[in-house]
Amino acid sequence: MSKSNKFLAGINTICQRIPHAGAMCLIERVSDWDQDSITCRSRTHVDSNNPLRNKYKLPMSALIEYGAQAMAIHGSLVNEQQSGSQGGYLAGLKDVYLVDGDLSDIPDELVIIASKIYSDGKNMIYEFSVTVGVTTLASGRATVFGNIVNGEQS
């Protein structure tokens, strides 16, 4: 599948597309996206002020949030093209794979890919992966419930 849209943005522009702000906005740029997938990049995992870092390290489980933010950005871009607005929330995870280790020990840029494998117009299922070079650090499947208004699905 070829990517049809380029969307190179700074972290401030991306933060406007997700329900997080400041240091919690973890994605630095979007490389490519189309109606079905998005490729994002980031080095925020090496920041000593990363809000997901605990006293000793940045756990690999933080990569799930990187994947979720890529999905949120993708949803925002697709909905903008379709002249719609939709909120949503991560409802479930399945088949999550995480390597062992400390994420902050990895100096290289993260590549985050989210691919929509199902959508009924409200709810979606995405597959996501986070890699460094040829090494997969995290992957899984996420269910996203959409069209959320005041905490209830419309």
N, C-alpha and C. Protein backbone atom coordinates (compact mmCIF):
# COMPACT_ATOMS: atom_id res chain seq x y z
N MET A 1 0.85 -1.17 0.00
CA MET A 1 0.00 0.00 0.00
C MET A 1 0.90 1.23 0.00
N SER A 2 0.72 2.09 -0.96
CA SER A 2 1.53 3.29 -1.01
C SER A 2 0.91 4.39 -0.17
N LYS A 3 1.76 5.18 0.39
CA LYS A 3 1.28 6.30 1.20
C LYS A 3 0.92 7.44 0.26
N SER A 4 -0.22 8.06 0.51
CA SER A 4 -0.67 9.10 -0.40
C SER A 4 -0.57 10.50 0.17
N ASN A 5 -0.33 10.61 1.44
CA ASN A 5 -0.31 11.92 2.06
C ASN A 5 0.96 12.12 2.86
N LYS A 6 1.54 13.26 2.73
CA LYS A 6 2.69 13.63 3.55
C LYS A 6 2.20 14.63 4.57
N PHE A 7 2.60 14.45 5.79
CA PHE A 7 2.19 15.37 6.84
C PHE A 7 3.35 15.49 7.80
N LEU A 8 4.27 16.34 7.48
CA LEU A 8 5.42 16.54 8.35
C LEU A 8 5.10 17.69 9.27
N ALA A 9 5.06 17.42 10.55
CA ALA A 9 4.61 18.45 11.49
C ALA A 9 5.48 18.46 12.72
N GLY A 10 5.53 19.60 13.36
CA GLY A 10 6.20 19.70 14.64
C GLY A 10 5.31 19.18 15.74
N ILE A 11 5.90 18.95 16.87
CA ILE A 11 5.18 18.37 18.00
C ILE A 11 4.00 19.25 18.43
N ASN A 12 4.10 20.57 18.30
CA ASN A 12 2.99 21.45 18.69
C ASN A 12 1.77 21.25 17.81
N THR A 13 1.96 21.08 16.51
CA THR A 13 0.85 20.83 15.59
C THR A 13 0.21 19.49 15.88
N ILE A 14 1.02 18.49 16.17
CA ILE A 14 0.50 17.16 16.46
C ILE A 14 -0.29 17.17 17.76
N CYS A 15 0.18 17.90 18.76
CA CYS A 15 -0.52 17.95 20.05
C CYS A 15 -1.94 18.46 19.91
N GLN A 16 -2.21 19.25 18.90
CA GLN A 16 -3.57 19.77 18.69
C GLN A 16 -4.51 18.68 18.21
N ARG A 17 -3.97 17.54 17.78
CA ARG A 17 -4.78 16.46 17.22
C ARG A 17 -5.05 15.34 18.22
N ILE A 18 -4.47 15.40 19.39
CA ILE A 18 -4.65 14.32 20.36
C ILE A 18 -5.09 14.91 21.70
N PRO A 19 -5.63 14.07 22.56
CA PRO A 19 -6.12 14.59 23.85
C PRO A 19 -5.02 14.74 24.90
N HIS A 20 -3.82 15.02 24.48
CA HIS A 20 -2.71 15.23 25.41
C HIS A 20 -2.01 16.53 25.07
N ALA A 21 -1.32 17.09 26.04
CA ALA A 21 -0.61 18.35 25.81
C ALA A 21 0.75 18.30 26.48
N GLY A 22 1.56 19.26 26.12
CA GLY A 22 2.87 19.39 26.74
C GLY A 22 3.73 18.17 26.56
N ALA A 23 4.42 17.79 27.61
CA ALA A 23 5.35 16.67 27.55
C ALA A 23 4.64 15.34 27.28
N MET A 24 3.34 15.27 27.53
CA MET A 24 2.62 14.02 27.29
C MET A 24 2.35 13.78 25.81
N CYS A 25 2.56 14.77 24.97
CA CYS A 25 2.48 14.59 23.53
C CYS A 25 3.81 13.96 23.10
N LEU A 26 3.78 12.67 22.77
CA LEU A 26 5.00 11.90 22.58
C LEU A 26 5.47 11.79 21.14
N ILE A 27 4.60 12.02 20.18
CA ILE A 27 4.94 11.89 18.76
C ILE A 27 5.50 13.22 18.26
N GLU A 28 6.66 13.17 17.62
CA GLU A 28 7.29 14.40 17.13
C GLU A 28 6.93 14.73 15.68
N ARG A 29 6.73 13.70 14.86
CA ARG A 29 6.38 13.99 13.47
C ARG A 29 5.68 12.81 12.82
N VAL A 30 4.93 13.13 11.80
CA VAL A 30 4.26 12.13 10.98
C VAL A 30 5.01 12.09 9.65
N SER A 31 5.49 10.91 9.28
CA SER A 31 6.23 10.76 8.02
C SER A 31 5.28 10.62 6.85
N ASP A 32 4.34 9.70 6.98
CA ASP A 32 3.41 9.39 5.91
C ASP A 32 2.10 8.91 6.52
N TRP A 33 1.04 9.08 5.75
CA TRP A 33 -0.24 8.50 6.15
C TRP A 33 -1.14 8.39 4.95
N ASP A 34 -2.08 7.48 5.03
CA ASP A 34 -3.15 7.37 4.05
C ASP A 34 -4.42 6.99 4.81
N GLN A 35 -5.46 6.60 4.14
CA GLN A 35 -6.73 6.30 4.79
C GLN A 35 -6.65 5.11 5.75
N ASP A 36 -5.66 4.25 5.54
CA ASP A 36 -5.58 3.02 6.33
C ASP A 36 -4.45 2.96 7.34
N SER A 37 -3.44 3.81 7.21
CA SER A 37 -2.29 3.69 8.11
C SER A 37 -1.54 5.00 8.26
N ILE A 38 -0.66 5.00 9.25
CA ILE A 38 0.15 6.18 9.55
C ILE A 38 1.52 5.71 10.02
N THR A 39 2.53 6.47 9.67
CA THR A 39 3.89 6.22 10.15
C THR A 39 4.36 7.48 10.85
N CYS A 40 4.72 7.33 12.12
CA CYS A 40 5.17 8.45 12.94
C CYS A 40 6.59 8.18 13.43
N ARG A 41 7.25 9.24 13.87
CA ARG A 41 8.61 9.12 14.39
C ARG A 41 8.76 9.97 15.64
N SER A 42 9.64 9.49 16.52
CA SER A 42 9.85 10.24 17.76
C SER A 42 11.15 9.83 18.44
N ARG A 43 11.69 10.80 19.17
CA ARG A 43 12.84 10.55 20.05
C ARG A 43 12.53 11.04 21.47
N THR A 44 11.26 11.23 21.78
CA THR A 44 10.90 11.74 23.11
C THR A 44 11.20 10.73 24.22
N HIS A 45 11.43 9.49 23.85
CA HIS A 45 11.74 8.47 24.86
C HIS A 45 13.09 8.70 25.52
N VAL A 46 13.96 9.48 24.90
CA VAL A 46 15.28 9.75 25.50
C VAL A 46 15.27 10.98 26.40
N ASP A 47 14.15 11.68 26.43
CA ASP A 47 14.02 12.88 27.27
C ASP A 47 13.91 12.47 28.74
N SER A 48 14.78 12.98 29.56
CA SER A 48 14.75 12.63 30.99
C SER A 48 13.48 13.12 31.67
N ASN A 49 12.75 14.03 31.04
CA ASN A 49 11.49 14.52 31.59
C ASN A 49 10.26 13.85 30.98
N ASN A 50 10.46 12.74 30.26
CA ASN A 50 9.33 12.02 29.69
C ASN A 50 8.37 11.66 30.83
N PRO A 51 7.10 12.06 30.73
CA PRO A 51 6.15 11.85 31.84
C PRO A 51 5.84 10.39 32.13
N LEU A 52 6.20 9.47 31.25
CA LEU A 52 5.95 8.05 31.49
C LEU A 52 7.13 7.38 32.21
N ARG A 53 8.18 8.12 32.40
CA ARG A 53 9.37 7.59 33.09
C ARG A 53 9.07 7.48 34.58
N ASN A 54 9.50 6.36 35.17
CA ASN A 54 9.40 6.26 36.62
C ASN A 54 10.74 6.66 37.22
N LYS A 55 10.90 6.47 38.48
CA LYS A 55 12.11 6.92 39.17
C LYS A 55 13.40 6.35 38.57
N TYR A 56 13.32 5.16 38.03
CA TYR A 56 14.52 4.47 37.57
C TYR A 56 14.65 4.33 36.06
N LYS A 57 13.53 4.25 35.35
CA LYS A 57 13.61 3.96 33.92
C LYS A 57 12.32 4.33 33.21
N LEU A 58 12.35 4.15 31.90
CA LEU A 58 11.16 4.30 31.07
C LEU A 58 10.79 2.89 30.61
N PRO A 59 9.73 2.33 31.17
CA PRO A 59 9.39 0.93 30.84
C PRO A 59 8.94 0.77 29.39
N MET A 60 9.18 -0.39 28.84
CA MET A 60 8.77 -0.68 27.46
C MET A 60 7.26 -0.57 27.30
N SER A 61 6.51 -0.75 28.36
CA SER A 61 5.05 -0.63 28.27
C SER A 61 4.62 0.77 27.84
N ALA A 62 5.50 1.76 27.97
CA ALA A 62 5.20 3.12 27.50
C ALA A 62 4.97 3.14 25.99
N LEU A 63 5.50 2.15 25.29
CA LEU A 63 5.34 2.12 23.84
C LEU A 63 3.88 1.94 23.42
N ILE A 64 3.07 1.40 24.31
CA ILE A 64 1.63 1.29 24.01
C ILE A 64 1.04 2.68 23.83
N GLU A 65 1.47 3.63 24.66
CA GLU A 65 0.98 5.00 24.53
C GLU A 65 1.45 5.63 23.22
N TYR A 66 2.66 5.33 22.79
CA TYR A 66 3.14 5.84 21.50
C TYR A 66 2.24 5.31 20.38
N GLY A 67 1.89 4.03 20.44
CA GLY A 67 1.00 3.45 19.44
C GLY A 67 -0.38 4.08 19.48
N ALA A 68 -0.91 4.29 20.69
CA ALA A 68 -2.24 4.89 20.85
C ALA A 68 -2.26 6.32 20.31
N GLN A 69 -1.19 7.07 20.53
CA GLN A 69 -1.15 8.43 20.01
C GLN A 69 -1.08 8.44 18.48
N ALA A 70 -0.37 7.48 17.90
CA ALA A 70 -0.34 7.38 16.43
C ALA A 70 -1.74 7.10 15.89
N MET A 71 -2.49 6.23 16.58
CA MET A 71 -3.87 5.95 16.16
C MET A 71 -4.74 7.19 16.26
N ALA A 72 -4.60 7.95 17.33
CA ALA A 72 -5.39 9.17 17.52
C ALA A 72 -5.08 10.20 16.44
N ILE A 73 -3.81 10.35 16.11
CA ILE A 73 -3.42 11.29 15.05
C ILE A 73 -4.02 10.84 13.72
N HIS A 74 -3.93 9.54 13.45
CA HIS A 74 -4.48 9.00 12.21
C HIS A 74 -5.98 9.27 12.13
N GLY A 75 -6.69 8.98 13.20
CA GLY A 75 -8.13 9.23 13.21
C GLY A 75 -8.47 10.69 12.96
N SER A 76 -7.69 11.57 13.54
CA SER A 76 -7.90 13.01 13.35
C SER A 76 -7.69 13.41 11.89
N LEU A 77 -6.64 12.91 11.28
CA LEU A 77 -6.35 13.25 9.89
C LEU A 77 -7.42 12.70 8.94
N VAL A 78 -7.83 11.46 9.15
CA VAL A 78 -8.85 10.85 8.30
C VAL A 78 -10.18 11.58 8.47
N ASN A 79 -10.56 11.85 9.71
CA ASN A 79 -11.83 12.54 9.95
C ASN A 79 -11.84 13.95 9.37
N GLU A 80 -10.70 14.62 9.42
CA GLU A 80 -10.60 15.96 8.84
C GLU A 80 -10.84 15.90 7.33
N GLN A 81 -10.30 14.91 6.67
CA GLN A 81 -10.51 14.75 5.23
C GLN A 81 -11.97 14.47 4.91
N GLN A 82 -12.64 13.77 5.81
CA GLN A 82 -14.03 13.39 5.58
C GLN A 82 -14.99 14.42 6.18
N SER A 83 -14.47 15.57 6.57
CA SER A 83 -15.26 16.67 7.14
C SER A 83 -16.07 16.25 8.35
N GLY A 84 -15.49 15.39 9.14
CA GLY A 84 -16.18 14.96 10.35
C GLY A 84 -15.27 15.13 11.55
N SER A 85 -15.87 15.07 12.71
CA SER A 85 -15.05 15.09 13.91
C SER A 85 -15.51 13.94 14.78
N GLN A 86 -14.56 13.27 15.35
CA GLN A 86 -14.89 12.12 16.16
C GLN A 86 -13.87 12.01 17.27
N GLY A 87 -14.36 11.85 18.46
CA GLY A 87 -13.49 11.54 19.57
C GLY A 87 -13.46 10.04 19.73
N GLY A 88 -12.65 9.58 20.62
CA GLY A 88 -12.60 8.15 20.84
C GLY A 88 -11.71 7.82 22.02
N TYR A 89 -11.74 6.57 22.41
CA TYR A 89 -10.86 6.14 23.48
C TYR A 89 -10.44 4.71 23.27
N LEU A 90 -9.27 4.40 23.78
CA LEU A 90 -8.70 3.07 23.69
C LEU A 90 -9.50 2.17 24.62
N ALA A 91 -10.16 1.17 24.05
CA ALA A 91 -11.05 0.31 24.83
C ALA A 91 -10.43 -1.03 25.18
N GLY A 92 -9.46 -1.47 24.39
CA GLY A 92 -8.87 -2.76 24.69
C GLY A 92 -7.62 -3.03 23.89
N LEU A 93 -6.80 -3.91 24.43
CA LEU A 93 -5.56 -4.33 23.77
C LEU A 93 -5.55 -5.84 23.66
N LYS A 94 -4.92 -6.35 22.60
CA LYS A 94 -4.83 -7.78 22.40
C LYS A 94 -3.49 -8.09 21.74
N ASP A 95 -2.97 -9.25 22.06
CA ASP A 95 -1.73 -9.75 21.44
C ASP A 95 -0.58 -8.76 21.55
N VAL A 96 -0.44 -8.15 22.72
CA VAL A 96 0.62 -7.16 22.92
C VAL A 96 1.95 -7.88 23.13
N TYR A 97 2.95 -7.42 22.39
CA TYR A 97 4.31 -7.93 22.52
C TYR A 97 5.19 -6.77 22.92
N LEU A 98 6.01 -6.96 23.95
CA LEU A 98 6.98 -5.95 24.38
C LEU A 98 8.31 -6.63 24.63
N VAL A 99 9.40 -6.05 24.15
CA VAL A 99 10.71 -6.58 24.48
C VAL A 99 11.04 -6.20 25.92
N ASP A 100 11.94 -6.93 26.51
CA ASP A 100 12.41 -6.60 27.86
C ASP A 100 13.41 -5.45 27.77
N GLY A 101 13.52 -4.69 28.83
CA GLY A 101 14.54 -3.66 28.89
C GLY A 101 14.00 -2.30 29.28
N ASP A 102 14.90 -1.35 29.19
CA ASP A 102 14.63 0.04 29.53
C ASP A 102 14.61 0.84 28.24
N LEU A 103 13.48 1.41 27.93
CA LEU A 103 13.32 2.17 26.69
C LEU A 103 14.28 3.35 26.61
N SER A 104 14.60 3.94 27.74
CA SER A 104 15.50 5.10 27.72
C SER A 104 16.94 4.72 27.39
N ASP A 105 17.26 3.42 27.37
CA ASP A 105 18.59 2.97 26.97
C ASP A 105 18.75 2.90 25.46
N ILE A 106 17.69 3.16 24.72
CA ILE A 106 17.71 3.07 23.26
C ILE A 106 17.81 4.49 22.70
N PRO A 107 18.96 4.86 22.13
CA PRO A 107 19.14 6.25 21.69
C PRO A 107 18.53 6.56 20.32
N ASP A 108 18.17 5.54 19.56
CA ASP A 108 17.72 5.74 18.19
C ASP A 108 16.26 6.19 18.11
N GLU A 109 15.90 6.78 16.98
CA GLU A 109 14.55 7.25 16.74
C GLU A 109 13.58 6.06 16.66
N LEU A 110 12.43 6.23 17.28
CA LEU A 110 11.36 5.23 17.22
C LEU A 110 10.54 5.47 15.96
N VAL A 111 10.13 4.38 15.31
CA VAL A 111 9.21 4.44 14.18
C VAL A 111 7.93 3.75 14.65
N ILE A 112 6.85 4.49 14.64
CA ILE A 112 5.56 4.01 15.14
C ILE A 112 4.61 3.90 13.95
N ILE A 113 4.09 2.69 13.73
CA ILE A 113 3.16 2.46 12.62
C ILE A 113 1.85 1.96 13.20
N ALA A 114 0.76 2.56 12.77
CA ALA A 114 -0.58 2.11 13.14
C ALA A 114 -1.36 1.88 11.86
N SER A 115 -1.95 0.70 11.74
CA SER A 115 -2.73 0.34 10.55
C SER A 115 -4.14 -0.04 10.96
N LYS A 116 -5.11 0.65 10.37
CA LYS A 116 -6.51 0.37 10.66
C LYS A 116 -6.90 -0.90 9.91
N ILE A 117 -7.36 -1.91 10.64
CA ILE A 117 -7.74 -3.16 9.99
C ILE A 117 -9.26 -3.36 9.97
N TYR A 118 -9.98 -2.52 10.72
CA TYR A 118 -11.43 -2.60 10.73
C TYR A 118 -12.00 -1.26 11.17
N SER A 119 -13.10 -0.87 10.55
CA SER A 119 -13.85 0.30 10.99
C SER A 119 -15.30 0.13 10.57
N ASP A 120 -16.19 0.43 11.51
CA ASP A 120 -17.62 0.41 11.17
C ASP A 120 -18.17 1.83 11.13
N GLY A 121 -17.27 2.81 11.08
CA GLY A 121 -17.69 4.21 11.06
C GLY A 121 -17.67 4.83 12.44
N LYS A 122 -17.75 4.02 13.48
CA LYS A 122 -17.68 4.51 14.85
C LYS A 122 -16.50 3.89 15.59
N ASN A 123 -16.37 2.59 15.49
CA ASN A 123 -15.35 1.86 16.22
C ASN A 123 -14.30 1.33 15.25
N MET A 124 -13.08 1.20 15.75
CA MET A 124 -11.99 0.78 14.90
C MET A 124 -11.12 -0.25 15.61
N ILE A 125 -10.45 -1.05 14.80
CA ILE A 125 -9.40 -1.94 15.31
C ILE A 125 -8.14 -1.59 14.53
N TYR A 126 -7.08 -1.36 15.27
CA TYR A 126 -5.78 -1.04 14.68
C TYR A 126 -4.76 -2.09 15.09
N GLU A 127 -3.80 -2.32 14.23
CA GLU A 127 -2.58 -3.01 14.60
C GLU A 127 -1.52 -1.94 14.69
N PHE A 128 -0.62 -2.08 15.67
CA PHE A 128 0.44 -1.10 15.81
C PHE A 128 1.77 -1.80 16.05
N SER A 129 2.83 -1.11 15.70
CA SER A 129 4.17 -1.59 16.00
C SER A 129 5.08 -0.40 16.24
N VAL A 130 6.07 -0.63 17.08
CA VAL A 130 7.09 0.37 17.33
C VAL A 130 8.42 -0.32 17.10
N THR A 131 9.21 0.26 16.19
CA THR A 131 10.48 -0.35 15.83
C THR A 131 11.63 0.64 15.95
N VAL A 132 12.80 0.08 16.04
CA VAL A 132 14.06 0.81 15.92
C VAL A 132 14.89 0.01 14.93
N GLY A 133 15.16 0.61 13.78
CA GLY A 133 15.85 -0.16 12.73
C GLY A 133 15.00 -1.36 12.34
N VAL A 134 15.58 -2.56 12.39
CA VAL A 134 14.85 -3.77 12.05
C VAL A 134 14.30 -4.48 13.28
N THR A 135 14.47 -3.89 14.45
CA THR A 135 14.04 -4.52 15.70
C THR A 135 12.66 -4.01 16.12
N THR A 136 11.75 -4.94 16.31
CA THR A 136 10.43 -4.59 16.82
C THR A 136 10.50 -4.56 18.34
N LEU A 137 10.17 -3.40 18.91
CA LEU A 137 10.17 -3.23 20.36
C LEU A 137 8.80 -3.53 20.95
N ALA A 138 7.75 -3.25 20.20
CA ALA A 138 6.38 -3.46 20.68
C ALA A 138 5.46 -3.65 19.49
N SER A 139 4.40 -4.42 19.72
CA SER A 139 3.37 -4.58 18.71
C SER A 139 2.10 -5.06 19.40
N GLY A 140 1.00 -4.94 18.70
CA GLY A 140 -0.26 -5.40 19.25
C GLY A 140 -1.43 -4.94 18.43
N ARG A 141 -2.58 -5.20 18.98
CA ARG A 141 -3.85 -4.83 18.35
C ARG A 141 -4.65 -4.03 19.37
N ALA A 142 -5.29 -2.98 18.92
CA ALA A 142 -6.06 -2.12 19.82
C ALA A 142 -7.46 -1.88 19.27
N THR A 143 -8.43 -1.90 20.16
CA THR A 143 -9.80 -1.55 19.82
C THR A 143 -10.05 -0.13 20.31
N VAL A 144 -10.58 0.69 19.44
CA VAL A 144 -10.88 2.09 19.75
C VAL A 144 -12.37 2.30 19.56
N PHE A 145 -13.05 2.77 20.62
CA PHE A 145 -14.46 3.12 20.52
C PHE A 145 -14.53 4.59 20.14
N GLY A 146 -15.33 4.91 19.14
CA GLY A 146 -15.43 6.28 18.65
C GLY A 146 -16.78 6.90 18.92
N ASN A 147 -16.91 8.15 18.40
CA ASN A 147 -18.13 8.95 18.55
C ASN A 147 -18.51 9.08 20.02
N ILE A 148 -17.57 9.52 20.81
CA ILE A 148 -17.80 9.67 22.24
C ILE A 148 -18.25 11.09 22.55
N VAL A 149 -19.40 11.22 23.19
CA VAL A 149 -19.92 12.53 23.60
C VAL A 149 -20.31 12.42 25.07
N ASN A 150 -19.69 13.24 25.90
CA ASN A 150 -19.98 13.24 27.34
C ASN A 150 -19.88 11.84 27.96
N GLY A 151 -18.86 11.09 27.53
CA GLY A 151 -18.60 9.79 28.13
C GLY A 151 -19.48 8.66 27.62
N GLU A 152 -20.37 8.94 26.65
CA GLU A 152 -21.24 7.89 26.13
C GLU A 152 -21.09 7.81 24.63
N GLN A 153 -21.18 6.58 24.12
CA GLN A 153 -21.08 6.38 22.68
C GLN A 153 -22.38 6.79 22.03
N SER A 154 -22.28 7.65 21.00
CA SER A 154 -23.50 8.09 20.32
C SER A 154 -23.79 7.22 19.12
